[in-house]
Amino acid sequence: AYFLSLSSEMRSSSATLRTNIFLPTDGEHVCQITFHYWISEMSGTLMVGLQKLSEDTITNIWQVSGELQNQWEANTITINSTEKYEV
Protein backbone atom coordinates (compact mmCIF):
# COMPACT_ATOMS: atom_id res chain seq x y z
CA ALA A 1 0.00 0.00 0.00
CA TYR A 2 1.14 3.53 -0.77
CA PHE A 3 -0.01 6.74 0.91
CA LEU A 4 0.53 10.37 -0.02
CA SER A 5 -0.85 13.45 1.71
CA LEU A 6 -0.61 17.05 0.51
CA SER A 7 -2.27 19.83 2.49
CA SER A 8 -2.59 23.59 2.17
CA GLU A 9 -0.30 23.94 5.18
CA MET A 10 2.62 22.46 3.27
CA ARG A 11 4.95 24.74 1.34
CA SER A 12 5.09 22.47 -1.69
CA SER A 13 2.20 22.63 -4.16
CA SER A 14 2.85 19.22 -5.67
CA ALA A 15 3.98 15.74 -4.71
CA THR A 16 4.85 12.55 -6.58
CA LEU A 17 4.36 8.93 -5.62
CA ARG A 18 6.00 6.26 -7.81
CA THR A 19 5.39 2.52 -7.86
CA ASN A 20 7.94 -0.23 -8.20
CA ILE A 21 8.86 -1.31 -11.73
CA PHE A 22 6.21 -3.56 -13.28
CA LEU A 23 6.80 -6.18 -15.98
CA PRO A 24 5.21 -5.80 -19.44
CA THR A 25 1.57 -6.78 -19.84
CA ASP A 26 0.16 -9.14 -22.46
CA GLY A 27 -2.99 -11.12 -23.17
CA GLU A 28 -2.52 -13.28 -20.08
CA HIS A 29 -1.03 -10.71 -17.70
CA VAL A 30 -3.06 -7.55 -17.19
CA CYS A 31 -2.22 -4.85 -14.67
CA GLN A 32 -5.01 -3.13 -12.77
CA ILE A 33 -4.30 -0.47 -10.17
CA THR A 34 -7.04 0.50 -7.74
CA PHE A 35 -6.61 3.63 -5.67
CA HIS A 36 -8.65 5.77 -3.32
CA TYR A 37 -8.36 9.53 -3.18
CA TRP A 38 -9.77 12.44 -1.22
CA ILE A 39 -9.74 16.01 -2.46
CA SER A 40 -11.19 18.42 0.06
CA GLU A 41 -11.91 22.14 -0.19
CA MET A 42 -8.64 22.80 -2.04
CA SER A 43 -8.87 22.91 -5.79
CA GLY A 44 -6.25 21.05 -7.75
CA THR A 45 -5.50 18.20 -10.10
CA LEU A 46 -4.71 14.60 -9.29
CA MET A 47 -2.95 12.79 -12.13
CA VAL A 48 -1.82 9.22 -12.78
CA GLY A 49 1.02 8.84 -15.24
CA LEU A 50 2.81 5.96 -16.94
CA GLN A 51 6.55 6.00 -17.60
CA LYS A 52 8.13 3.29 -19.70
CA LEU A 53 11.71 2.55 -18.70
CA SER A 54 12.96 3.32 -22.22
CA GLU A 55 11.45 6.83 -22.15
CA ASP A 56 12.13 9.99 -20.13
CA THR A 57 8.58 11.31 -20.45
CA ILE A 58 5.55 10.47 -18.33
CA THR A 59 2.28 9.87 -20.19
CA ASN A 60 -0.84 11.05 -18.37
CA ILE A 61 -3.31 8.13 -18.28
CA TRP A 62 -5.93 9.52 -15.84
CA GLN A 63 -6.73 12.75 -14.05
CA VAL A 64 -9.40 14.52 -12.04
CA SER A 65 -9.54 18.27 -11.46
CA GLY A 66 -11.44 20.78 -9.43
CA GLU A 67 -13.05 20.74 -6.05
CA LEU A 68 -14.65 17.52 -4.87
CA GLN A 69 -16.85 16.76 -1.92
CA ASN A 70 -15.23 15.83 1.38
CA GLN A 71 -15.43 12.11 0.77
CA TRP A 72 -13.31 9.23 -0.46
CA GLU A 73 -13.52 8.30 -4.13
CA ALA A 74 -12.15 5.14 -5.75
CA ASN A 75 -10.91 4.40 -9.25
CA THR A 76 -9.40 1.43 -11.06
CA ILE A 77 -7.10 1.83 -14.06
CA THR A 78 -6.17 -0.99 -16.45
CA ILE A 79 -2.67 -0.60 -17.84
CA ASN A 80 -1.22 -2.08 -21.02
CA SER A 81 2.47 -1.77 -21.78
CA THR A 82 4.75 -3.80 -24.03
CA GLU A 83 7.76 -2.98 -21.83
CA LYS A 84 8.66 -2.47 -18.18
CA TYR A 85 7.05 0.60 -16.62
CA GLU A 86 6.33 2.64 -13.52
CA VAL A 87 3.06 4.34 -12.56
PDB file of N, CA and C in Angstrom:
ATOM      1  N   ALA A   1       0.842  -1.180   0.000  1.00  0.00           N
ATOM      2  CA  ALA A   1       0.000   0.000   0.000  1.00  0.00           C
ATOM      3  C   ALA A   1       0.884   1.239   0.000  1.00  0.00           C
ATOM      4  N   TYR A   2       0.452   2.255  -0.705  1.00  0.00           N
ATOM      5  CA  TYR A   2       1.144   3.531  -0.768  1.00  0.00           C
ATOM      6  C   TYR A   2       0.218   4.600  -0.204  1.00  0.00           C
ATOM      7  N   PHE A   3       0.791   5.652   0.372  1.00  0.00           N
ATOM      8  CA  PHE A   3      -0.008   6.737   0.914  1.00  0.00           C
ATOM      9  C   PHE A   3       0.713   8.055   0.665  1.00  0.00           C
ATOM     10  N   LEU A   4      -0.041   9.051   0.235  1.00  0.00           N
ATOM     11  CA  LEU A   4       0.526  10.372  -0.016  1.00  0.00           C
ATOM     12  C   LEU A   4      -0.474  11.410   0.470  1.00  0.00           C
ATOM     13  N   SER A   5       0.013  12.390   1.211  1.00  0.00           N
ATOM     14  CA  SER A   5      -0.849  13.451   1.713  1.00  0.00           C
ATOM     15  C   SER A   5      -0.233  14.796   1.370  1.00  0.00           C
ATOM     16  N   LEU A   6      -1.056  15.702   0.856  1.00  0.00           N
ATOM     17  CA  LEU A   6      -0.608  17.050   0.514  1.00  0.00           C
ATOM     18  C   LEU A   6      -1.669  18.011   1.016  1.00  0.00           C
ATOM     19  N   SER A   7      -1.297  18.914   1.918  1.00  0.00           N
ATOM     20  CA  SER A   7      -2.272  19.834   2.493  1.00  0.00           C
ATOM     21  C   SER A   7      -1.886  21.270   2.189  1.00  0.00           C
ATOM     22  N   SER A   8      -2.829  22.174   2.423  1.00  0.00           N
ATOM     23  CA  SER A   8      -2.587  23.592   2.169  1.00  0.00           C
ATOM     24  C   SER A   8      -1.558  24.165   3.124  1.00  0.00           C
ATOM     25  N   GLU A   9      -1.280  23.480   4.214  1.00  0.00           N
ATOM     26  CA  GLU A   9      -0.295  23.945   5.184  1.00  0.00           C
ATOM     27  C   GLU A   9       1.133  23.656   4.736  1.00  0.00           C
ATOM     28  N   MET A  10       1.291  22.802   3.753  1.00  0.00           N
ATOM     29  CA  MET A  10       2.619  22.458   3.269  1.00  0.00           C
ATOM     30  C   MET A  10       3.099  23.511   2.279  1.00  0.00           C
ATOM     31  N   ARG A  11       4.396  23.729   2.244  1.00  0.00           N
ATOM     32  CA  ARG A  11       4.948  24.743   1.335  1.00  0.00           C
ATOM     33  C   ARG A  11       4.927  24.281  -0.116  1.00  0.00           C
ATOM     34  N   SER A  12       5.070  22.993  -0.332  1.00  0.00           N
ATOM     35  CA  SER A  12       5.088  22.471  -1.691  1.00  0.00           C
ATOM     36  C   SER A  12       3.668  22.412  -2.249  1.00  0.00           C
ATOM     37  N   SER A  13       3.524  22.680  -3.535  1.00  0.00           N
ATOM     38  CA  SER A  13       2.203  22.633  -4.161  1.00  0.00           C
ATOM     39  C   SER A  13       2.002  21.353  -4.969  1.00  0.00           C
ATOM     40  N   SER A  14       2.996  20.473  -4.951  1.00  0.00           N
ATOM     41  CA  SER A  14       2.847  19.216  -5.674  1.00  0.00           C
ATOM     42  C   SER A  14       3.649  18.123  -4.967  1.00  0.00           C
ATOM     43  N   ALA A  15       3.281  16.895  -5.264  1.00  0.00           N
ATOM     44  CA  ALA A  15       3.977  15.739  -4.706  1.00  0.00           C
ATOM     45  C   ALA A  15       3.868  14.600  -5.702  1.00  0.00           C
ATOM     46  N   THR A  16       4.823  13.682  -5.647  1.00  0.00           N
ATOM     47  CA  THR A  16       4.847  12.555  -6.581  1.00  0.00           C
ATOM     48  C   THR A  16       5.018  11.264  -5.804  1.00  0.00           C
ATOM     49  N   LEU A  17       4.270  10.264  -6.198  1.00  0.00           N
ATOM     50  CA  LEU A  17       4.359   8.932  -5.620  1.00  0.00           C
ATOM     51  C   LEU A  17       4.586   7.970  -6.770  1.00  0.00           C
ATOM     52  N   ARG A  18       5.666   7.176  -6.712  1.00  0.00           N
ATOM     53  CA  ARG A  18       6.004   6.261  -7.809  1.00  0.00           C
ATOM     54  C   ARG A  18       5.914   4.825  -7.313  1.00  0.00           C
ATOM     55  N   THR A  19       5.459   3.944  -8.194  1.00  0.00           N
ATOM     56  CA  THR A  19       5.390   2.522  -7.863  1.00  0.00           C
ATOM     57  C   THR A  19       6.739   1.857  -8.115  1.00  0.00           C
ATOM     58  N   ASN A  20       6.807   0.592  -7.783  1.00  0.00           N
ATOM     59  CA  ASN A  20       7.938  -0.235  -8.202  1.00  0.00           C
ATOM     60  C   ASN A  20       7.851  -0.424  -9.717  1.00  0.00           C
ATOM     61  N   ILE A  21       8.866  -1.030 -10.289  1.00  0.00           N
ATOM     62  CA  ILE A  21       8.860  -1.314 -11.728  1.00  0.00           C
ATOM     63  C   ILE A  21       8.017  -2.563 -11.982  1.00  0.00           C
ATOM     64  N   PHE A  22       7.066  -2.450 -12.911  1.00  0.00           N
ATOM     65  CA  PHE A  22       6.213  -3.563 -13.279  1.00  0.00           C
ATOM     66  C   PHE A  22       6.692  -4.176 -14.583  1.00  0.00           C
ATOM     67  N   LEU A  23       6.446  -5.471 -14.747  1.00  0.00           N
ATOM     68  CA  LEU A  23       6.797  -6.177 -15.977  1.00  0.00           C
ATOM     69  C   LEU A  23       5.786  -5.857 -17.075  1.00  0.00           C
ATOM     70  N   PRO A  24       6.151  -6.070 -18.335  1.00  0.00           N
ATOM     71  CA  PRO A  24       5.212  -5.803 -19.438  1.00  0.00           C
ATOM     72  C   PRO A  24       3.927  -6.610 -19.286  1.00  0.00           C
ATOM     73  N   THR A  25       2.856  -6.081 -19.841  1.00  0.00           N
ATOM     74  CA  THR A  25       1.571  -6.783 -19.840  1.00  0.00           C
ATOM     75  C   THR A  25       1.385  -7.476 -21.187  1.00  0.00           C
ATOM     76  N   ASP A  26       0.520  -8.467 -21.202  1.00  0.00           N
ATOM     77  CA  ASP A  26       0.164  -9.145 -22.456  1.00  0.00           C
ATOM     78  C   ASP A  26      -1.242  -9.705 -22.307  1.00  0.00           C
ATOM     79  N   GLY A  27      -1.640 -10.579 -23.203  1.00  0.00           N
ATOM     80  CA  GLY A  27      -2.990 -11.122 -23.166  1.00  0.00           C
ATOM     81  C   GLY A  27      -3.306 -11.895 -21.894  1.00  0.00           C
ATOM     82  N   GLU A  28      -2.295 -12.485 -21.289  1.00  0.00           N
ATOM     83  CA  GLU A  28      -2.521 -13.283 -20.075  1.00  0.00           C
ATOM     84  C   GLU A  28      -2.244 -12.496 -18.799  1.00  0.00           C
ATOM     85  N   HIS A  29      -1.422 -11.475 -18.879  1.00  0.00           N
ATOM     86  CA  HIS A  29      -1.030 -10.714 -17.703  1.00  0.00           C
ATOM     87  C   HIS A  29      -1.465  -9.266 -17.850  1.00  0.00           C
ATOM     88  N   VAL A  30      -2.525  -8.905 -17.141  1.00  0.00           N
ATOM     89  CA  VAL A  30      -3.060  -7.551 -17.190  1.00  0.00           C
ATOM     90  C   VAL A  30      -2.770  -6.880 -15.856  1.00  0.00           C
ATOM     91  N   CYS A  31      -2.471  -5.605 -15.891  1.00  0.00           N
ATOM     92  CA  CYS A  31      -2.216  -4.853 -14.667  1.00  0.00           C
ATOM     93  C   CYS A  31      -3.394  -3.935 -14.396  1.00  0.00           C
ATOM     94  N   GLN A  32      -3.967  -4.054 -13.209  1.00  0.00           N
ATOM     95  CA  GLN A  32      -5.006  -3.132 -12.771  1.00  0.00           C
ATOM     96  C   GLN A  32      -4.560  -2.508 -11.462  1.00  0.00           C
ATOM     97  N   ILE A  33      -4.654  -1.198 -11.382  1.00  0.00           N
ATOM     98  CA  ILE A  33      -4.300  -0.473 -10.172  1.00  0.00           C
ATOM     99  C   ILE A  33      -5.563   0.190  -9.649  1.00  0.00           C
ATOM    100  N   THR A  34      -5.904  -0.126  -8.403  1.00  0.00           N
ATOM    101  CA  THR A  34      -7.043   0.496  -7.743  1.00  0.00           C
ATOM    102  C   THR A  34      -6.518   1.449  -6.688  1.00  0.00           C
ATOM    103  N   PHE A  35      -7.049   2.658  -6.659  1.00  0.00           N
ATOM    104  CA  PHE A  35      -6.611   3.626  -5.671  1.00  0.00           C
ATOM    105  C   PHE A  35      -7.797   4.428  -5.165  1.00  0.00           C
ATOM    106  N   HIS A  36      -7.645   4.918  -3.949  1.00  0.00           N
ATOM    107  CA  HIS A  36      -8.647   5.768  -3.317  1.00  0.00           C
ATOM    108  C   HIS A  36      -8.043   7.158  -3.159  1.00  0.00           C
ATOM    109  N   TYR A  37      -8.857   8.165  -3.318  1.00  0.00           N
ATOM    110  CA  TYR A  37      -8.360   9.528  -3.183  1.00  0.00           C
ATOM    111  C   TYR A  37      -9.407  10.412  -2.531  1.00  0.00           C
ATOM    112  N   TRP A  38      -8.929  11.476  -1.918  1.00  0.00           N
ATOM    113  CA  TRP A  38      -9.772  12.440  -1.218  1.00  0.00           C
ATOM    114  C   TRP A  38      -9.256  13.819  -1.578  1.00  0.00           C
ATOM    115  N   ILE A  39     -10.087  14.626  -2.200  1.00  0.00           N
ATOM    116  CA  ILE A  39      -9.742  16.011  -2.463  1.00  0.00           C
ATOM    117  C   ILE A  39     -10.758  16.859  -1.713  1.00  0.00           C
ATOM    118  N   SER A  40     -10.272  17.652  -0.778  1.00  0.00           N
ATOM    119  CA  SER A  40     -11.192  18.420   0.065  1.00  0.00           C
ATOM    120  C   SER A  40     -11.486  19.783  -0.549  1.00  0.00           C
ATOM    121  N   GLU A  41     -11.528  20.819   0.293  1.00  0.00           N
ATOM    122  CA  GLU A  41     -11.909  22.143  -0.194  1.00  0.00           C
ATOM    123  C   GLU A  41     -10.905  22.721  -1.180  1.00  0.00           C
ATOM    124  N   MET A  42      -9.661  22.262  -1.124  1.00  0.00           N
ATOM    125  CA  MET A  42      -8.645  22.798  -2.035  1.00  0.00           C
ATOM    126  C   MET A  42      -8.956  22.375  -3.468  1.00  0.00           C
ATOM    127  N   SER A  43      -8.729  23.285  -4.391  1.00  0.00           N
ATOM    128  CA  SER A  43      -8.874  22.909  -5.794  1.00  0.00           C
ATOM    129  C   SER A  43      -7.512  22.474  -6.307  1.00  0.00           C
ATOM    130  N   GLY A  44      -7.509  21.543  -7.211  1.00  0.00           N
ATOM    131  CA  GLY A  44      -6.251  21.054  -7.751  1.00  0.00           C
ATOM    132  C   GLY A  44      -6.494  19.942  -8.742  1.00  0.00           C
ATOM    133  N   THR A  45      -5.426  19.286  -9.143  1.00  0.00           N
ATOM    134  CA  THR A  45      -5.504  18.196 -10.105  1.00  0.00           C
ATOM    135  C   THR A  45      -4.729  17.016  -9.573  1.00  0.00           C
ATOM    136  N   LEU A  46      -5.355  15.865  -9.622  1.00  0.00           N
ATOM    137  CA  LEU A  46      -4.714  14.602  -9.286  1.00  0.00           C
ATOM    138  C   LEU A  46      -4.513  13.849 -10.592  1.00  0.00           C
ATOM    139  N   MET A  47      -3.257  13.454 -10.869  1.00  0.00           N
ATOM    140  CA  MET A  47      -2.951  12.792 -12.134  1.00  0.00           C
ATOM    141  C   MET A  47      -2.268  11.453 -11.881  1.00  0.00           C
ATOM    142  N   VAL A  48      -2.530  10.500 -12.769  1.00  0.00           N
ATOM    143  CA  VAL A  48      -1.824   9.219 -12.779  1.00  0.00           C
ATOM    144  C   VAL A  48      -1.087   9.140 -14.104  1.00  0.00           C
ATOM    145  N   GLY A  49       0.207   8.885 -14.034  1.00  0.00           N
ATOM    146  CA  GLY A  49       1.024   8.835 -15.240  1.00  0.00           C
ATOM    147  C   GLY A  49       1.722   7.502 -15.389  1.00  0.00           C
ATOM    148  N   LEU A  50       2.101   7.197 -16.605  1.00  0.00           N
ATOM    149  CA  LEU A  50       2.809   5.963 -16.944  1.00  0.00           C
ATOM    150  C   LEU A  50       4.148   6.339 -17.559  1.00  0.00           C
ATOM    151  N   GLN A  51       5.226   5.761 -17.027  1.00  0.00           N
ATOM    152  CA  GLN A  51       6.548   5.998 -17.600  1.00  0.00           C
ATOM    153  C   GLN A  51       7.185   4.671 -17.951  1.00  0.00           C
ATOM    154  N   LYS A  52       7.410   4.472 -19.242  1.00  0.00           N
ATOM    155  CA  LYS A  52       8.134   3.290 -19.699  1.00  0.00           C
ATOM    156  C   LYS A  52       9.611   3.496 -19.422  1.00  0.00           C
ATOM    157  N   LEU A  53      10.305   2.425 -19.083  1.00  0.00           N
ATOM    158  CA  LEU A  53      11.709   2.553 -18.698  1.00  0.00           C
ATOM    159  C   LEU A  53      12.590   3.057 -19.830  1.00  0.00           C
ATOM    160  N   SER A  54      12.157   2.868 -21.073  1.00  0.00           N
ATOM    161  CA  SER A  54      12.959   3.317 -22.217  1.00  0.00           C
ATOM    162  C   SER A  54      12.727   4.797 -22.546  1.00  0.00           C
ATOM    163  N   GLU A  55      11.793   5.458 -21.835  1.00  0.00           N
ATOM    164  CA  GLU A  55      11.447   6.834 -22.145  1.00  0.00           C
ATOM    165  C   GLU A  55      11.667   7.738 -20.937  1.00  0.00           C
ATOM    166  N   ASP A  56      11.957   9.003 -21.203  1.00  0.00           N
ATOM    167  CA  ASP A  56      12.128   9.988 -20.133  1.00  0.00           C
ATOM    168  C   ASP A  56      10.814  10.677 -19.779  1.00  0.00           C
ATOM    169  N   THR A  57       9.835  10.587 -20.660  1.00  0.00           N
ATOM    170  CA  THR A  57       8.584  11.305 -20.454  1.00  0.00           C
ATOM    171  C   THR A  57       7.559  10.448 -19.712  1.00  0.00           C
ATOM    172  N   ILE A  58       6.655  11.125 -19.029  1.00  0.00           N
ATOM    173  CA  ILE A  58       5.553  10.470 -18.332  1.00  0.00           C
ATOM    174  C   ILE A  58       4.278  10.765 -19.109  1.00  0.00           C
ATOM    175  N   THR A  59       3.533   9.726 -19.464  1.00  0.00           N
ATOM    176  CA  THR A  59       2.276   9.872 -20.191  1.00  0.00           C
ATOM    177  C   THR A  59       1.121   9.898 -19.201  1.00  0.00           C
ATOM    178  N   ASN A  60       0.312  10.939 -19.250  1.00  0.00           N
ATOM    179  CA  ASN A  60      -0.839  11.054 -18.367  1.00  0.00           C
ATOM    180  C   ASN A  60      -1.901  10.048 -18.814  1.00  0.00           C
ATOM    181  N   ILE A  61      -2.315   9.135 -17.913  1.00  0.00           N
ATOM    182  CA  ILE A  61      -3.313   8.125 -18.283  1.00  0.00           C
ATOM    183  C   ILE A  61      -4.641   8.324 -17.552  1.00  0.00           C
ATOM    184  N   TRP A  62      -4.684   9.231 -16.558  1.00  0.00           N
ATOM    185  CA  TRP A  62      -5.929   9.521 -15.844  1.00  0.00           C
ATOM    186  C   TRP A  62      -5.737  10.802 -15.052  1.00  0.00           C
ATOM    187  N   GLN A  63      -6.804  11.585 -14.922  1.00  0.00           N
ATOM    188  CA  GLN A  63      -6.731  12.747 -14.053  1.00  0.00           C
ATOM    189  C   GLN A  63      -8.118  13.190 -13.636  1.00  0.00           C
ATOM    190  N   VAL A  64      -8.175  13.889 -12.514  1.00  0.00           N
ATOM    191  CA  VAL A  64      -9.402  14.516 -12.041  1.00  0.00           C
ATOM    192  C   VAL A  64      -9.014  15.898 -11.530  1.00  0.00           C
ATOM    193  N   SER A  65      -9.849  16.886 -11.834  1.00  0.00           N
ATOM    194  CA  SER A  65      -9.543  18.267 -11.459  1.00  0.00           C
ATOM    195  C   SER A  65     -10.713  18.893 -10.721  1.00  0.00           C
ATOM    196  N   GLY A  66     -10.402  19.994 -10.071  1.00  0.00           N
ATOM    197  CA  GLY A  66     -11.443  20.782  -9.435  1.00  0.00           C
ATOM    198  C   GLY A  66     -11.685  20.395  -7.996  1.00  0.00           C
ATOM    199  N   GLU A  67     -12.703  20.990  -7.436  1.00  0.00           N
ATOM    200  CA  GLU A  67     -13.052  20.735  -6.048  1.00  0.00           C
ATOM    201  C   GLU A  67     -14.044  19.587  -5.966  1.00  0.00           C
ATOM    202  N   LEU A  68     -13.753  18.651  -5.081  1.00  0.00           N
ATOM    203  CA  LEU A  68     -14.645  17.519  -4.869  1.00  0.00           C
ATOM    204  C   LEU A  68     -15.230  17.600  -3.465  1.00  0.00           C
ATOM    205  N   GLN A  69     -16.252  16.829  -3.235  1.00  0.00           N
ATOM    206  CA  GLN A  69     -16.847  16.762  -1.917  1.00  0.00           C
ATOM    207  C   GLN A  69     -15.846  16.166  -0.927  1.00  0.00           C
ATOM    208  N   ASN A  70     -16.080  16.404   0.334  1.00  0.00           N
ATOM    209  CA  ASN A  70     -15.230  15.834   1.379  1.00  0.00           C
ATOM    210  C   ASN A  70     -15.593  14.371   1.580  1.00  0.00           C
ATOM    211  N   GLN A  71     -15.175  13.546   0.662  1.00  0.00           N
ATOM    212  CA  GLN A  71     -15.433  12.106   0.768  1.00  0.00           C
ATOM    213  C   GLN A  71     -14.407  11.349  -0.057  1.00  0.00           C
ATOM    214  N   TRP A  72     -14.237  10.083   0.274  1.00  0.00           N
ATOM    215  CA  TRP A  72     -13.314   9.229  -0.464  1.00  0.00           C
ATOM    216  C   TRP A  72     -13.934   8.807  -1.779  1.00  0.00           C
ATOM    217  N   GLU A  73     -13.133   8.802  -2.813  1.00  0.00           N
ATOM    218  CA  GLU A  73     -13.518   8.302  -4.128  1.00  0.00           C
ATOM    219  C   GLU A  73     -12.571   7.159  -4.475  1.00  0.00           C
ATOM    220  N   ALA A  74     -12.996   6.260  -5.334  1.00  0.00           N
ATOM    221  CA  ALA A  74     -12.153   5.137  -5.752  1.00  0.00           C
ATOM    222  C   ALA A  74     -12.131   5.055  -7.269  1.00  0.00           C
ATOM    223  N   ASN A  75     -11.019   4.573  -7.802  1.00  0.00           N
ATOM    224  CA  ASN A  75     -10.909   4.397  -9.247  1.00  0.00           C
ATOM    225  C   ASN A  75      -9.978   3.224  -9.535  1.00  0.00           C
ATOM    226  N   THR A  76     -10.249   2.520 -10.610  1.00  0.00           N
ATOM    227  CA  THR A  76      -9.400   1.427 -11.064  1.00  0.00           C
ATOM    228  C   THR A  76      -8.960   1.712 -12.487  1.00  0.00           C
ATOM    229  N   ILE A  77      -7.667   1.588 -12.732  1.00  0.00           N
ATOM    230  CA  ILE A  77      -7.100   1.826 -14.057  1.00  0.00           C
ATOM    231  C   ILE A  77      -6.495   0.520 -14.563  1.00  0.00           C
ATOM    232  N   THR A  78      -6.793   0.161 -15.798  1.00  0.00           N
ATOM    233  CA  THR A  78      -6.170  -0.989 -16.447  1.00  0.00           C
ATOM    234  C   THR A  78      -5.027  -0.475 -17.314  1.00  0.00           C
ATOM    235  N   ILE A  79      -3.865  -1.082 -17.151  1.00  0.00           N
ATOM    236  CA  ILE A  79      -2.669  -0.603 -17.841  1.00  0.00           C
ATOM    237  C   ILE A  79      -2.168  -1.662 -18.814  1.00  0.00           C
ATOM    238  N   ASN A  80      -1.830  -1.220 -20.019  1.00  0.00           N
ATOM    239  CA  ASN A  80      -1.221  -2.082 -21.020  1.00  0.00           C
ATOM    240  C   ASN A  80       0.107  -1.468 -21.436  1.00  0.00           C
ATOM    241  N   SER A  81       1.166  -2.254 -21.378  1.00  0.00           N
ATOM    242  CA  SER A  81       2.475  -1.769 -21.781  1.00  0.00           C
ATOM    243  C   SER A  81       3.291  -2.940 -22.302  1.00  0.00           C
ATOM    244  N   THR A  82       3.946  -2.741 -23.419  1.00  0.00           N
ATOM    245  CA  THR A  82       4.752  -3.804 -24.029  1.00  0.00           C
ATOM    246  C   THR A  82       6.159  -3.869 -23.424  1.00  0.00           C
ATOM    247  N   GLU A  83       6.447  -2.953 -22.485  1.00  0.00           N
ATOM    248  CA  GLU A  83       7.759  -2.982 -21.829  1.00  0.00           C
ATOM    249  C   GLU A  83       7.618  -2.638 -20.363  1.00  0.00           C
ATOM    250  N   LYS A  84       8.688  -2.759 -19.605  1.00  0.00           N
ATOM    251  CA  LYS A  84       8.659  -2.466 -18.182  1.00  0.00           C
ATOM    252  C   LYS A  84       8.264  -1.009 -17.962  1.00  0.00           C
ATOM    253  N   TYR A  85       7.575  -0.758 -16.859  1.00  0.00           N
ATOM    254  CA  TYR A  85       7.054   0.597 -16.623  1.00  0.00           C
ATOM    255  C   TYR A  85       6.859   0.881 -15.138  1.00  0.00           C
ATOM    256  N   GLU A  86       6.705   2.164 -14.842  1.00  0.00           N
ATOM    257  CA  GLU A  86       6.327   2.644 -13.519  1.00  0.00           C
ATOM    258  C   GLU A  86       5.061   3.456 -13.658  1.00  0.00           C
ATOM    259  N   VAL A  87       4.283   3.543 -12.574  1.00  0.00           N
ATOM    260  CA  VAL A  87       3.063   4.342 -12.560  1.00  0.00           C
ATOM    261  C   VAL A  87       3.229   5.432 -11.522  1.00  0.00           C
TER     262      VAL A  87
END
